Amino acid sequence: KPAVIALGGGAVAQPGTPEWLARTGTVVWLRARPETLLARLGEAAERPLLEGLDPEARRARLEALLDARRAQYARAALVVDTDGRSVEEVAETVLELLETTSS
């Protein structure tokens, strides 16, 4: 059945996962600048790779993670920039892109 599966940012860094995802569906990268991600994360209390870090260290760690994962993220079939956009706007863009690529 058609489904939307929302994965954490590190999922694509797991061996074999990008290939499996590409075979089983359309991968969409919801791209955001580090500033946007940091604002969304807040204190990151529930993010094991970022929790307990002061703001400067949290930013450095986030940027390092993004750099390490960028090649895997770039393998996505579709990329949607989310900076300054509402959830509804992003969802509409994803739907439009999916409709365009499937026809």
PDB file of N, CA and C in Angstrom:
ATOM      1  N   LYS A   1       0.838  -1.186   0.000  1.00  0.00           N
ATOM      2  CA  LYS A   1       0.000   0.000   0.000  1.00  0.00           C
ATOM      3  C   LYS A   1       0.881   1.247   0.000  1.00  0.00           C
ATOM      4  N   PRO A   2       0.422   2.290  -0.632  1.00  0.00           N
ATOM      5  CA  PRO A   2       1.182   3.548  -0.574  1.00  0.00           C
ATOM      6  C   PRO A   2       1.266   4.056   0.862  1.00  0.00           C
ATOM      7  N   ALA A   3       2.418   4.586   1.204  1.00  0.00           N
ATOM      8  CA  ALA A   3       2.612   5.083   2.563  1.00  0.00           C
ATOM      9  C   ALA A   3       3.695   6.149   2.562  1.00  0.00           C
ATOM     10  N   VAL A   4       3.672   6.982   3.594  1.00  0.00           N
ATOM     11  CA  VAL A   4       4.732   7.949   3.838  1.00  0.00           C
ATOM     12  C   VAL A   4       5.497   7.450   5.051  1.00  0.00           C
ATOM     13  N   ILE A   5       6.797   7.346   4.901  1.00  0.00           N
ATOM     14  CA  ILE A   5       7.642   6.900   6.001  1.00  0.00           C
ATOM     15  C   ILE A   5       8.621   8.025   6.292  1.00  0.00           C
ATOM     16  N   ALA A   6       8.552   8.562   7.495  1.00  0.00           N
ATOM     17  CA  ALA A   6       9.444   9.651   7.893  1.00  0.00           C
ATOM     18  C   ALA A   6      10.605   9.067   8.676  1.00  0.00           C
ATOM     19  N   LEU A   7      11.789   9.196   8.123  1.00  0.00           N
ATOM     20  CA  LEU A   7      12.978   8.648   8.758  1.00  0.00           C
ATOM     21  C   LEU A   7      13.772   9.743   9.446  1.00  0.00           C
ATOM     22  N   GLY A   8      14.512   9.375  10.451  1.00  0.00           N
ATOM     23  CA  GLY A   8      15.423  10.316  11.085  1.00  0.00           C
ATOM     24  C   GLY A   8      16.576  10.609  10.145  1.00  0.00           C
ATOM     25  N   GLY A   9      17.283  11.700  10.400  1.00  0.00           N
ATOM     26  CA  GLY A   9      18.356  12.141   9.527  1.00  0.00           C
ATOM     27  C   GLY A   9      19.487  11.158   9.369  1.00  0.00           C
ATOM     28  N   GLY A  10      19.708  10.313  10.360  1.00  0.00           N
ATOM     29  CA  GLY A  10      20.807   9.364  10.285  1.00  0.00           C
ATOM     30  C   GLY A  10      20.468   8.070   9.579  1.00  0.00           C
ATOM     31  N   ALA A  11      19.213   7.860   9.253  1.00  0.00           N
ATOM     32  CA  ALA A  11      18.815   6.597   8.619  1.00  0.00           C
ATOM     33  C   ALA A  11      19.549   6.362   7.312  1.00  0.00           C
ATOM     34  N   VAL A  12      19.729   7.417   6.524  1.00  0.00           N
ATOM     35  CA  VAL A  12      20.387   7.235   5.230  1.00  0.00           C
ATOM     36  C   VAL A  12      21.879   6.958   5.364  1.00  0.00           C
ATOM     37  N   ALA A  13      22.415   7.150   6.550  1.00  0.00           N
ATOM     38  CA  ALA A  13      23.839   6.885   6.774  1.00  0.00           C
ATOM     39  C   ALA A  13      24.093   5.416   7.099  1.00  0.00           C
ATOM     40  N   GLN A  14      23.036   4.645   7.268  1.00  0.00           N
ATOM     41  CA  GLN A  14      23.190   3.229   7.580  1.00  0.00           C
ATOM     42  C   GLN A  14      23.478   2.448   6.303  1.00  0.00           C
ATOM     43  N   PRO A  15      24.446   1.548   6.331  1.00  0.00           N
ATOM     44  CA  PRO A  15      24.801   0.778   5.136  1.00  0.00           C
ATOM     45  C   PRO A  15      23.590   0.072   4.523  1.00  0.00           C
ATOM     46  N   GLY A  16      23.431   0.254   3.231  1.00  0.00           N
ATOM     47  CA  GLY A  16      22.362  -0.397   2.492  1.00  0.00           C
ATOM     48  C   GLY A  16      21.038   0.334   2.495  1.00  0.00           C
ATOM     49  N   THR A  17      20.837   1.234   3.423  1.00  0.00           N
ATOM     50  CA  THR A  17      19.543   1.913   3.522  1.00  0.00           C
ATOM     51  C   THR A  17      19.237   2.782   2.314  1.00  0.00           C
ATOM     52  N   PRO A  18      20.159   3.614   1.828  1.00  0.00           N
ATOM     53  CA  PRO A  18      19.814   4.435   0.653  1.00  0.00           C
ATOM     54  C   PRO A  18      19.402   3.590  -0.559  1.00  0.00           C
ATOM     55  N   GLU A  19      20.088   2.481  -0.760  1.00  0.00           N
ATOM     56  CA  GLU A  19      19.757   1.615  -1.894  1.00  0.00           C
ATOM     57  C   GLU A  19      18.375   0.985  -1.717  1.00  0.00           C
ATOM     58  N   TRP A  20      18.099   0.519  -0.518  1.00  0.00           N
ATOM     59  CA  TRP A  20      16.800  -0.090  -0.242  1.00  0.00           C
ATOM     60  C   TRP A  20      15.684   0.929  -0.435  1.00  0.00           C
ATOM     61  N   LEU A  21      15.888   2.138   0.085  1.00  0.00           N
ATOM     62  CA  LEU A  21      14.879   3.180  -0.062  1.00  0.00           C
ATOM     63  C   LEU A  21      14.621   3.505  -1.528  1.00  0.00           C
ATOM     64  N   ALA A  22      15.671   3.616  -2.313  1.00  0.00           N
ATOM     65  CA  ALA A  22      15.528   3.945  -3.731  1.00  0.00           C
ATOM     66  C   ALA A  22      14.771   2.849  -4.488  1.00  0.00           C
ATOM     67  N   ARG A  23      14.952   1.607  -4.079  1.00  0.00           N
ATOM     68  CA  ARG A  23      14.265   0.489  -4.733  1.00  0.00           C
ATOM     69  C   ARG A  23      12.793   0.410  -4.353  1.00  0.00           C
ATOM     70  N   THR A  24      12.451   0.881  -3.160  1.00  0.00           N
ATOM     71  CA  THR A  24      11.103   0.639  -2.651  1.00  0.00           C
ATOM     72  C   THR A  24      10.184   1.845  -2.696  1.00  0.00           C
ATOM     73  N   GLY A  25      10.707   3.004  -3.070  1.00  0.00           N
ATOM     74  CA  GLY A  25       9.835   4.171  -3.111  1.00  0.00           C
ATOM     75  C   GLY A  25      10.557   5.396  -3.621  1.00  0.00           C
ATOM     76  N   THR A  26       9.917   6.525  -3.448  1.00  0.00           N
ATOM     77  CA  THR A  26      10.487   7.805  -3.850  1.00  0.00           C
ATOM     78  C   THR A  26      11.018   8.500  -2.608  1.00  0.00           C
ATOM     79  N   VAL A  27      12.297   8.761  -2.595  1.00  0.00           N
ATOM     80  CA  VAL A  27      12.921   9.401  -1.447  1.00  0.00           C
ATOM     81  C   VAL A  27      12.878  10.917  -1.646  1.00  0.00           C
ATOM     82  N   VAL A  28      12.384  11.609  -0.620  1.00  0.00           N
ATOM     83  CA  VAL A  28      12.289  13.067  -0.651  1.00  0.00           C
ATOM     84  C   VAL A  28      13.155  13.617   0.472  1.00  0.00           C
ATOM     85  N   TRP A  29      14.063  14.493   0.142  1.00  0.00           N
ATOM     86  CA  TRP A  29      14.904  15.179   1.130  1.00  0.00           C
ATOM     87  C   TRP A  29      14.235  16.493   1.465  1.00  0.00           C
ATOM     88  N   LEU A  30      13.799  16.644   2.699  1.00  0.00           N
ATOM     89  CA  LEU A  30      13.249  17.908   3.185  1.00  0.00           C
ATOM     90  C   LEU A  30      14.431  18.712   3.715  1.00  0.00           C
ATOM     91  N   ARG A  31      15.009  19.515   2.837  1.00  0.00           N
ATOM     92  CA  ARG A  31      16.265  20.207   3.123  1.00  0.00           C
ATOM     93  C   ARG A  31      16.008  21.505   3.889  1.00  0.00           C
ATOM     94  N   ALA A  32      16.886  21.766   4.858  1.00  0.00           N
ATOM     95  CA  ALA A  32      16.816  22.999   5.645  1.00  0.00           C
ATOM     96  C   ALA A  32      18.225  23.440   6.004  1.00  0.00           C
ATOM     97  N   ARG A  33      18.399  24.742   6.133  1.00  0.00           N
ATOM     98  CA  ARG A  33      19.683  25.290   6.564  1.00  0.00           C
ATOM     99  C   ARG A  33      19.922  24.929   8.028  1.00  0.00           C
ATOM    100  N   PRO A  34      21.187  24.898   8.442  1.00  0.00           N
ATOM    101  CA  PRO A  34      21.486  24.589   9.846  1.00  0.00           C
ATOM    102  C   PRO A  34      20.745  25.500  10.823  1.00  0.00           C
ATOM    103  N   GLU A  35      20.616  26.784  10.492  1.00  0.00           N
ATOM    104  CA  GLU A  35      19.905  27.721  11.376  1.00  0.00           C
ATOM    105  C   GLU A  35      18.462  27.292  11.594  1.00  0.00           C
ATOM    106  N   THR A  36      17.831  26.840  10.522  1.00  0.00           N
ATOM    107  CA  THR A  36      16.446  26.380  10.610  1.00  0.00           C
ATOM    108  C   THR A  36      16.357  25.130  11.472  1.00  0.00           C
ATOM    109  N   LEU A  37      17.253  24.195  11.232  1.00  0.00           N
ATOM    110  CA  LEU A  37      17.248  22.950  12.003  1.00  0.00           C
ATOM    111  C   LEU A  37      17.491  23.213  13.480  1.00  0.00           C
ATOM    112  N   LEU A  38      18.431  24.092  13.786  1.00  0.00           N
ATOM    113  CA  LEU A  38      18.710  24.413  15.187  1.00  0.00           C
ATOM    114  C   LEU A  38      17.509  25.047  15.868  1.00  0.00           C
ATOM    115  N   ALA A  39      16.810  25.918  15.167  1.00  0.00           N
ATOM    116  CA  ALA A  39      15.615  26.539  15.735  1.00  0.00           C
ATOM    117  C   ALA A  39      14.544  25.488  16.010  1.00  0.00           C
ATOM    118  N   ARG A  40      14.409  24.531  15.118  1.00  0.00           N
ATOM    119  CA  ARG A  40      13.421  23.458  15.302  1.00  0.00           C
ATOM    120  C   ARG A  40      13.800  22.526  16.440  1.00  0.00           C
ATOM    121  N   LEU A  41      15.087  22.296  16.606  1.00  0.00           N
ATOM    122  CA  LEU A  41      15.562  21.363  17.633  1.00  0.00           C
ATOM    123  C   LEU A  41      15.504  21.921  19.042  1.00  0.00           C
ATOM    124  N   GLY A  42      15.607  23.229  19.185  1.00  0.00           N
ATOM    125  CA  GLY A  42      15.645  23.815  20.520  1.00  0.00           C
ATOM    126  C   GLY A  42      16.832  23.276  21.303  1.00  0.00           C
ATOM    127  N   GLU A  43      16.593  22.781  22.497  1.00  0.00           N
ATOM    128  CA  GLU A  43      17.660  22.257  23.351  1.00  0.00           C
ATOM    129  C   GLU A  43      18.097  20.847  22.931  1.00  0.00           C
ATOM    130  N   ALA A  44      17.358  20.229  22.020  1.00  0.00           N
ATOM    131  CA  ALA A  44      17.683  18.891  21.511  1.00  0.00           C
ATOM    132  C   ALA A  44      17.760  17.845  22.615  1.00  0.00           C
ATOM    133  N   ALA A  45      16.941  17.995  23.635  1.00  0.00           N
ATOM    134  CA  ALA A  45      16.984  17.101  24.789  1.00  0.00           C
ATOM    135  C   ALA A  45      16.694  15.642  24.434  1.00  0.00           C
ATOM    136  N   GLU A  46      15.962  15.423  23.345  1.00  0.00           N
ATOM    137  CA  GLU A  46      15.612  14.056  22.965  1.00  0.00           C
ATOM    138  C   GLU A  46      16.389  13.578  21.745  1.00  0.00           C
ATOM    139  N   ARG A  47      17.459  14.263  21.410  1.00  0.00           N
ATOM    140  CA  ARG A  47      18.303  13.899  20.272  1.00  0.00           C
ATOM    141  C   ARG A  47      19.642  13.400  20.797  1.00  0.00           C
ATOM    142  N   PRO A  48      19.846  12.094  20.841  1.00  0.00           N
ATOM    143  CA  PRO A  48      21.055  11.539  21.463  1.00  0.00           C
ATOM    144  C   PRO A  48      22.368  12.120  20.944  1.00  0.00           C
ATOM    145  N   LEU A  49      22.438  12.463  19.678  1.00  0.00           N
ATOM    146  CA  LEU A  49      23.694  12.978  19.139  1.00  0.00           C
ATOM    147  C   LEU A  49      23.923  14.448  19.454  1.00  0.00           C
ATOM    148  N   LEU A  50      22.895  15.124  19.978  1.00  0.00           N
ATOM    149  CA  LEU A  50      23.014  16.557  20.251  1.00  0.00           C
ATOM    150  C   LEU A  50      22.713  16.939  21.690  1.00  0.00           C
ATOM    151  N   GLU A  51      22.092  16.055  22.444  1.00  0.00           N
ATOM    152  CA  GLU A  51      21.677  16.407  23.800  1.00  0.00           C
ATOM    153  C   GLU A  51      22.877  16.717  24.693  1.00  0.00           C
ATOM    154  N   GLY A  52      22.664  17.642  25.607  1.00  0.00           N
ATOM    155  CA  GLY A  52      23.685  17.987  26.574  1.00  0.00           C
ATOM    156  C   GLY A  52      24.766  18.925  26.067  1.00  0.00           C
ATOM    157  N   LEU A  53      24.698  19.310  24.798  1.00  0.00           N
ATOM    158  CA  LEU A  53      25.707  20.205  24.241  1.00  0.00           C
ATOM    159  C   LEU A  53      25.270  21.658  24.394  1.00  0.00           C
ATOM    160  N   ASP A  54      26.234  22.543  24.628  1.00  0.00           N
ATOM    161  CA  ASP A  54      25.892  23.962  24.660  1.00  0.00           C
ATOM    162  C   ASP A  54      25.570  24.392  23.223  1.00  0.00           C
ATOM    163  N   PRO A  55      24.932  25.547  23.033  1.00  0.00           N
ATOM    164  CA  PRO A  55      24.501  25.958  21.696  1.00  0.00           C
ATOM    165  C   PRO A  55      25.600  25.947  20.636  1.00  0.00           C
ATOM    166  N   GLU A  56      26.788  26.400  20.995  1.00  0.00           N
ATOM    167  CA  GLU A  56      27.885  26.434  20.022  1.00  0.00           C
ATOM    168  C   GLU A  56      28.307  25.020  19.617  1.00  0.00           C
ATOM    169  N   ALA A  57      28.438  24.139  20.593  1.00  0.00           N
ATOM    170  CA  ALA A  57      28.822  22.752  20.315  1.00  0.00           C
ATOM    171  C   ALA A  57      27.711  22.028  19.556  1.00  0.00           C
ATOM    172  N   ARG A  58      26.446  22.338  19.876  1.00  0.00           N
ATOM    173  CA  ARG A  58      25.317  21.724  19.186  1.00  0.00           C
ATOM    174  C   ARG A  58      25.348  22.112  17.705  1.00  0.00           C
ATOM    175  N   ARG A  59      25.606  23.390  17.437  1.00  0.00           N
ATOM    176  CA  ARG A  59      25.679  23.851  16.049  1.00  0.00           C
ATOM    177  C   ARG A  59      26.834  23.157  15.304  1.00  0.00           C
ATOM    178  N   ALA A  60      27.993  23.071  15.940  1.00  0.00           N
ATOM    179  CA  ALA A  60      29.149  22.434  15.310  1.00  0.00           C
ATOM    180  C   ALA A  60      28.856  20.960  15.017  1.00  0.00           C
ATOM    181  N   ARG A  61      28.241  20.287  15.970  1.00  0.00           N
ATOM    182  CA  ARG A  61      27.923  18.865  15.788  1.00  0.00           C
ATOM    183  C   ARG A  61      26.896  18.688  14.679  1.00  0.00           C
ATOM    184  N   LEU A  62      25.880  19.535  14.632  1.00  0.00           N
ATOM    185  CA  LEU A  62      24.858  19.455  13.589  1.00  0.00           C
ATOM    186  C   LEU A  62      25.491  19.675  12.217  1.00  0.00           C
ATOM    187  N   GLU A  63      26.340  20.672  12.101  1.00  0.00           N
ATOM    188  CA  GLU A  63      26.994  20.937  10.819  1.00  0.00           C
ATOM    189  C   GLU A  63      27.893  19.776  10.403  1.00  0.00           C
ATOM    190  N   ALA A  64      28.567  19.159  11.353  1.00  0.00           N
ATOM    191  CA  ALA A  64      29.404  17.987  11.046  1.00  0.00           C
ATOM    192  C   ALA A  64      28.547  16.815  10.565  1.00  0.00           C
ATOM    193  N   LEU A  65      27.409  16.609  11.218  1.00  0.00           N
ATOM    194  CA  LEU A  65      26.496  15.540  10.797  1.00  0.00           C
ATOM    195  C   LEU A  65      25.967  15.795   9.396  1.00  0.00           C
ATOM    196  N   LEU A  66      25.567  17.039   9.128  1.00  0.00           N
ATOM    197  CA  LEU A  66      25.069  17.387   7.794  1.00  0.00           C
ATOM    198  C   LEU A  66      26.144  17.154   6.735  1.00  0.00           C
ATOM    199  N   ASP A  67      27.359  17.584   7.020  1.00  0.00           N
ATOM    200  CA  ASP A  67      28.451  17.391   6.065  1.00  0.00           C
ATOM    201  C   ASP A  67      28.695  15.903   5.798  1.00  0.00           C
ATOM    202  N   ALA A  68      28.679  15.113   6.847  1.00  0.00           N
ATOM    203  CA  ALA A  68      28.937  13.677   6.710  1.00  0.00           C
ATOM    204  C   ALA A  68      27.823  12.967   5.942  1.00  0.00           C
ATOM    205  N   ARG A  69      26.615  13.480   6.011  1.00  0.00           N
ATOM    206  CA  ARG A  69      25.460  12.815   5.392  1.00  0.00           C
ATOM    207  C   ARG A  69      25.046  13.424   4.054  1.00  0.00           C
ATOM    208  N   ARG A  70      25.642  14.555   3.683  1.00  0.00           N
ATOM    209  CA  ARG A  70      25.188  15.289   2.495  1.00  0.00           C
ATOM    210  C   ARG A  70      25.149  14.426   1.231  1.00  0.00           C
ATOM    211  N   ALA A  71      26.138  13.605   1.016  1.00  0.00           N
ATOM    212  CA  ALA A  71      26.170  12.765  -0.187  1.00  0.00           C
ATOM    213  C   ALA A  71      24.986  11.794  -0.219  1.00  0.00           C
ATOM    214  N   GLN A  72      24.653  11.232   0.942  1.00  0.00           N
ATOM    215  CA  GLN A  72      23.503  10.320   0.984  1.00  0.00           C
ATOM    216  C   GLN A  72      22.197  11.084   0.780  1.00  0.00           C
ATOM    217  N   TYR A  73      22.070  12.241   1.419  1.00  0.00           N
ATOM    218  CA  TYR A  73      20.867  13.048   1.235  1.00  0.00           C
ATOM    219  C   TYR A  73      20.684  13.426  -0.230  1.00  0.00           C
ATOM    220  N   ALA A  74      21.778  13.753  -0.901  1.00  0.00           N
ATOM    221  CA  ALA A  74      21.719  14.210  -2.291  1.00  0.00           C
ATOM    222  C   ALA A  74      21.258  13.111  -3.243  1.00  0.00           C
ATOM    223  N   ARG A  75      21.227  11.881  -2.785  1.00  0.00           N
ATOM    224  CA  ARG A  75      20.736  10.772  -3.612  1.00  0.00           C
ATOM    225  C   ARG A  75      19.213  10.733  -3.694  1.00  0.00           C
ATOM    226  N   ALA A  76      18.552  11.576  -2.928  1.00  0.00           N
ATOM    227  CA  ALA A  76      17.087  11.593  -2.941  1.00  0.00           C
ATOM    228  C   ALA A  76      16.574  11.932  -4.337  1.00  0.00           C
ATOM    229  N   ALA A  77      15.456  11.333  -4.684  1.00  0.00           N
ATOM    230  CA  ALA A  77      14.842  11.598  -5.989  1.00  0.00           C
ATOM    231  C   ALA A  77      14.293  13.017  -6.065  1.00  0.00           C
ATOM    232  N   LEU A  78      13.821  13.511  -4.940  1.00  0.00           N
ATOM    233  CA  LEU A  78      13.234  14.853  -4.874  1.00  0.00           C
ATOM    234  C   LEU A  78      13.826  15.611  -3.701  1.00  0.00           C
ATOM    235  N   VAL A  79      14.024  16.913  -3.885  1.00  0.00           N
ATOM    236  CA  VAL A  79      14.536  17.770  -2.823  1.00  0.00           C
ATOM    237  C   VAL A  79      13.583  18.943  -2.663  1.00  0.00           C
ATOM    238  N   VAL A  80      13.150  19.171  -1.430  1.00  0.00           N
ATOM    239  CA  VAL A  80      12.235  20.279  -1.139  1.00  0.00           C
ATOM    240  C   VAL A  80      12.852  21.123  -0.035  1.00  0.00           C
ATOM    241  N   ASP A  81      13.091  22.386  -0.337  1.00  0.00           N
ATOM    242  CA  ASP A  81      13.610  23.305   0.675  1.00  0.00           C
ATOM    243  C   ASP A  81      12.475  23.698   1.611  1.00  0.00           C
ATOM    244  N   THR A  82      12.746  23.630   2.907  1.00  0.00           N
ATOM    245  CA  THR A  82      11.698  23.873   3.902  1.00  0.00           C
ATOM    246  C   THR A  82      11.880  25.169   4.682  1.00  0.00           C
ATOM    247  N   ASP A  83      12.986  25.865   4.465  1.00  0.00           N
ATOM    248  CA  ASP A  83      13.248  27.096   5.215  1.00  0.00           C
ATOM    249  C   ASP A  83      12.134  28.113   5.000  1.00  0.00           C
ATOM    250  N   GLY A  84      11.600  28.632   6.102  1.00  0.00           N
ATOM    251  CA  GLY A  84      10.586  29.673   6.031  1.00  0.00           C
ATOM    252  C   GLY A  84       9.258  29.239   5.451  1.00  0.00           C
ATOM    253  N   ARG A  85       9.016  27.953   5.398  1.00  0.00           N
ATOM    254  CA  ARG A  85       7.768  27.449   4.813  1.00  0.00           C
ATOM    255  C   ARG A  85       6.982  26.680   5.862  1.00  0.00           C
ATOM    256  N   SER A  86       5.665  26.749   5.755  1.00  0.00           N
ATOM    257  CA  SER A  86       4.807  26.020   6.682  1.00  0.00           C
ATOM    258  C   SER A  86       4.765  24.539   6.301  1.00  0.00           C
ATOM    259  N   VAL A  87       4.289  23.737   7.228  1.00  0.00           N
ATOM    260  CA  VAL A  87       4.131  22.303   6.968  1.00  0.00           C
ATOM    261  C   VAL A  87       3.210  22.104   5.761  1.00  0.00           C
ATOM    262  N   GLU A  88       2.155  22.888   5.692  1.00  0.00           N
ATOM    263  CA  GLU A  88       1.206  22.774   4.589  1.00  0.00           C
ATOM    264  C   GLU A  88       1.854  23.098   3.251  1.00  0.00           C
ATOM    265  N   GLU A  89       2.673  24.147   3.220  1.00  0.00           N
ATOM    266  CA  GLU A  89       3.359  24.515   1.977  1.00  0.00           C
ATOM    267  C   GLU A  89       4.324  23.424   1.527  1.00  0.00           C
ATOM    268  N   VAL A  90       5.039  22.871   2.468  1.00  0.00           N
ATOM    269  CA  VAL A  90       5.990  21.803   2.137  1.00  0.00           C
ATOM    270  C   VAL A  90       5.234  20.578   1.633  1.00  0.00           C
ATOM    271  N   ALA A  91       4.159  20.212   2.311  1.00  0.00           N
ATOM    272  CA  ALA A  91       3.369  19.046   1.896  1.00  0.00           C
ATOM    273  C   ALA A  91       2.798  19.239   0.492  1.00  0.00           C
ATOM    274  N   GLU A  92       2.300  20.430   0.208  1.00  0.00           N
ATOM    275  CA  GLU A  92       1.762  20.709  -1.134  1.00  0.00           C
ATOM    276  C   GLU A  92       2.852  20.583  -2.193  1.00  0.00           C
ATOM    277  N   THR A  93       4.029  21.090  -1.900  1.00  0.00           N
ATOM    278  CA  THR A  93       5.139  20.998  -2.842  1.00  0.00           C
ATOM    279  C   THR A  93       5.526  19.545  -3.084  1.00  0.00           C
ATOM    280  N   VAL A  94       5.599  18.763  -2.020  1.00  0.00           N
ATOM    281  CA  VAL A  94       5.941  17.340  -2.163  1.00  0.00           C
ATOM    282  C   VAL A  94       4.893  16.650  -3.031  1.00  0.00           C
ATOM    283  N   LEU A  95       3.624  16.891  -2.761  1.00  0.00           N
ATOM    284  CA  LEU A  95       2.564  16.265  -3.568  1.00  0.00           C
ATOM    285  C   LEU A  95       2.656  16.662  -5.038  1.00  0.00           C
ATOM    286  N   GLU A  96       2.891  17.945  -5.290  1.00  0.00           N
ATOM    287  CA  GLU A  96       3.017  18.408  -6.673  1.00  0.00           C
ATOM    288  C   GLU A  96       4.186  17.725  -7.377  1.00  0.00           C
ATOM    289  N   LEU A  97       5.313  17.625  -6.695  1.00  0.00           N
ATOM    290  CA  LEU A  97       6.486  16.980  -7.295  1.00  0.00           C
ATOM    291  C   LEU A  97       6.241  15.489  -7.544  1.00  0.00           C
ATOM    292  N   LEU A  98       5.590  14.833  -6.602  1.00  0.00           N
ATOM    293  CA  LEU A  98       5.286  13.416  -6.776  1.00  0.00           C
ATOM    294  C   LEU A  98       4.342  13.201  -7.951  1.00  0.00           C
ATOM    295  N   GLU A  99       3.347  14.060  -8.073  1.00  0.00           N
ATOM    296  CA  GLU A  99       2.410  13.952  -9.198  1.00  0.00           C
ATOM    297  C   GLU A  99       3.117  14.190 -10.522  1.00  0.00           C
ATOM    298  N   THR A 100       4.019  15.153 -10.553  1.00  0.00           N
ATOM    299  CA  THR A 100       4.762  15.477 -11.771  1.00  0.00           C
ATOM    300  C   THR A 100       5.677  14.336 -12.184  1.00  0.00           C
ATOM    301  N   THR A 101       6.348  13.734 -11.213  1.00  0.00           N
ATOM    302  CA  THR A 101       7.304  12.674 -11.540  1.00  0.00           C
ATOM    303  C   THR A 101       6.632  11.345 -11.846  1.00  0.00           C
ATOM    304  N   SER A 102       5.406  11.161 -11.392  1.00  0.00           N
ATOM    305  CA  SER A 102       4.727   9.883 -11.638  1.00  0.00           C
ATOM    306  C   SER A 102       3.906   9.895 -12.926  1.00  0.00           C
ATOM    307  N   SER A 103       3.779  11.068 -13.544  1.00  0.00           N
ATOM    308  CA  SER A 103       2.970  11.103 -14.792  1.00  0.00           C
ATOM    309  C   SER A 103       3.835  11.141 -16.020  1.00  0.00           C
TER     310      SER A 103
END
